[in-house]
Amino acid sequence: VNPDKEVYFRHSPLPVRTDVVETLAHILTEQYNMTLADSIEKLHRTVDITHFWPVDLVGVSNTDHARLRLRVSQVVARVGDMYPSIHVYVGLAGSVSVTGRRTAQVQYVETMLKSKIVIVSQRDCFLGGPLSSI
């Protein structure tokens, strides 16, 4: 509990990397004059749906096992085309590959803060089973 703001801190049962939380705290302080104790869910979000994978595969060096991600991006982009009032972001944000996985990316966190919905998709067969229907 934060006694100054009477806020209860909640956490996910899943781990969140410390460097991502630190990047989030920095962005909130520098860009929004907020802290992690503030109600970030009240931020104005200009993007309705985000999926962090490019439709055109620009910037992606390894597309092995990427059919699911590509298909999800295509569907999200099509939703944006069909419904102009729905603002979508489909693409990369920050570094990719090893750098993107091992260090917190400011652009990635900034894009998440601007997004109402973030769709997450894993590599093909990440959870097992074929993707023959994609």
Protein backbone atom coordinates (compact mmCIF):
# COMPACT_ATOMS: atom_id res chain seq x y z
CA VAL A 1 0.00 0.00 0.00
CA ASN A 2 1.20 3.48 -0.82
CA PRO A 3 -0.01 5.54 2.20
CA ASP A 4 0.27 8.85 0.31
CA LYS A 5 -2.04 7.79 -2.49
CA GLU A 6 -3.95 4.94 -0.84
CA VAL A 7 -3.15 2.69 -3.77
CA TYR A 8 -2.84 -1.05 -3.53
CA PHE A 9 -0.13 -2.44 -5.76
CA ARG A 10 -1.24 -5.49 -7.66
CA HIS A 11 0.98 -7.79 -9.59
CA SER A 12 0.63 -10.50 -12.14
CA PRO A 13 1.44 -14.05 -11.12
CA LEU A 14 3.71 -14.05 -14.18
CA PRO A 15 7.17 -12.50 -14.04
CA VAL A 16 7.87 -9.11 -15.57
CA ARG A 17 11.48 -8.30 -16.33
CA THR A 18 13.01 -5.69 -14.04
CA ASP A 19 14.50 -3.75 -16.95
CA VAL A 20 11.04 -3.41 -18.54
CA VAL A 21 9.59 -2.08 -15.27
CA GLU A 22 12.51 0.36 -14.96
CA THR A 23 11.98 1.53 -18.55
CA LEU A 24 8.27 1.96 -17.87
CA ALA A 25 9.03 3.97 -14.71
CA HIS A 26 11.44 6.21 -16.65
CA ILE A 27 8.95 6.84 -19.47
CA LEU A 28 6.15 7.59 -17.03
CA THR A 29 8.33 10.10 -15.18
CA GLU A 30 9.80 11.80 -18.24
CA GLN A 31 6.80 11.87 -20.57
CA TYR A 32 3.75 11.84 -18.31
CA ASN A 33 4.97 13.22 -14.96
CA MET A 34 3.70 10.00 -13.35
CA THR A 35 5.08 7.14 -11.27
CA LEU A 36 4.34 3.43 -11.16
CA ALA A 37 1.95 4.18 -8.28
CA ASP A 38 -0.26 6.35 -10.50
CA SER A 39 -3.25 5.01 -12.42
CA ILE A 40 -1.61 4.42 -15.80
CA GLU A 41 -4.80 2.82 -17.07
CA LYS A 42 -6.19 6.36 -17.25
CA LEU A 43 -3.61 7.47 -19.86
CA HIS A 44 -5.04 8.61 -23.17
CA ARG A 45 -4.43 5.77 -25.62
CA THR A 46 -4.43 6.63 -29.30
CA VAL A 47 -3.99 3.10 -30.67
CA ASP A 48 -6.87 0.64 -30.39
CA ILE A 49 -5.06 -2.58 -31.36
CA THR A 50 -1.33 -3.33 -31.51
CA HIS A 51 0.51 -6.39 -32.79
CA PHE A 52 4.30 -6.30 -32.76
CA TRP A 53 5.06 -8.03 -36.05
CA PRO A 54 5.35 -6.39 -39.49
CA VAL A 55 3.01 -7.34 -42.32
CA ASP A 56 5.77 -6.78 -44.89
CA LEU A 57 8.48 -8.49 -42.76
CA VAL A 58 10.72 -5.41 -43.05
CA GLY A 59 13.31 -5.52 -40.30
CA VAL A 60 12.92 -9.24 -39.66
CA SER A 61 15.95 -11.33 -40.54
CA ASN A 62 14.62 -14.73 -39.49
CA THR A 63 11.11 -15.56 -40.62
CA ASP A 64 11.31 -19.25 -39.72
CA HIS A 65 8.31 -20.21 -37.61
CA ALA A 66 6.62 -16.84 -38.28
CA ARG A 67 3.49 -17.84 -40.19
CA LEU A 68 1.18 -17.35 -37.20
CA ARG A 69 2.62 -13.95 -36.32
CA LEU A 70 2.42 -12.84 -39.94
CA ARG A 71 -1.20 -14.00 -40.25
CA VAL A 72 -2.19 -12.20 -37.03
CA SER A 73 -0.59 -8.99 -38.32
CA GLN A 74 -2.41 -9.35 -41.64
CA VAL A 75 -5.75 -9.72 -39.84
CA VAL A 76 -5.10 -6.74 -37.54
CA ALA A 77 -4.04 -4.59 -40.51
CA ARG A 78 -7.18 -5.62 -42.39
CA VAL A 79 -9.35 -4.62 -39.41
CA GLY A 80 -7.72 -1.17 -39.56
CA ASP A 81 -8.40 -0.97 -43.30
CA MET A 82 -12.02 -2.11 -42.99
CA TYR A 83 -12.84 0.12 -40.01
CA PRO A 84 -11.08 3.49 -40.30
CA SER A 85 -12.22 4.51 -36.81
CA ILE A 86 -10.15 1.67 -35.35
CA HIS A 87 -6.51 2.73 -35.14
CA VAL A 88 -4.06 -0.14 -35.38
CA TYR A 89 -0.31 -0.48 -35.05
CA VAL A 90 1.26 -3.44 -36.82
CA GLY A 91 5.04 -3.61 -36.88
CA LEU A 92 8.18 -3.67 -34.82
CA ALA A 93 9.03 -1.22 -32.06
CA GLY A 94 12.63 -1.06 -30.95
CA SER A 95 15.37 -3.54 -31.70
CA VAL A 96 14.70 -7.07 -32.85
CA SER A 97 16.36 -10.44 -32.43
CA VAL A 98 18.79 -10.92 -29.54
CA THR A 99 18.99 -7.22 -28.62
CA GLY A 100 15.21 -6.92 -28.58
CA ARG A 101 14.81 -9.97 -26.39
CA ARG A 102 17.58 -9.19 -23.94
CA THR A 103 17.16 -5.49 -23.27
CA ALA A 104 14.13 -3.35 -22.59
CA GLN A 105 13.13 -1.32 -25.65
CA VAL A 106 11.89 2.23 -25.06
CA GLN A 107 9.88 2.29 -28.32
CA TYR A 108 8.22 -1.00 -27.37
CA VAL A 109 7.13 0.26 -23.94
CA GLU A 110 6.02 3.61 -25.39
CA THR A 111 3.88 1.83 -27.98
CA MET A 112 2.31 -0.39 -25.31
CA LEU A 113 1.45 2.70 -23.25
CA LYS A 114 -0.35 4.19 -26.28
CA SER A 115 -2.29 0.97 -26.95
CA LYS A 116 -5.63 -0.16 -25.60
CA ILE A 117 -5.19 -3.78 -26.72
CA VAL A 118 -1.90 -5.57 -27.39
CA ILE A 119 -2.20 -8.89 -29.17
CA VAL A 120 0.56 -11.36 -28.37
CA SER A 121 1.42 -14.24 -30.67
CA GLN A 122 4.17 -16.80 -30.25
CA ARG A 123 6.38 -18.51 -32.81
CA ASP A 124 4.76 -21.27 -34.83
CA CYS A 125 4.41 -24.46 -32.79
CA PHE A 126 5.74 -22.69 -29.68
CA LEU A 127 3.11 -24.44 -27.59
CA GLY A 128 3.22 -27.60 -29.69
CA GLY A 129 1.10 -28.84 -32.56
CA PRO A 130 1.14 -28.07 -36.27
CA LEU A 131 -0.18 -24.93 -37.92
CA SER A 132 -1.24 -26.50 -41.17
CA SER A 133 -4.44 -24.46 -41.41
CA ILE A 134 -2.71 -21.06 -41.44
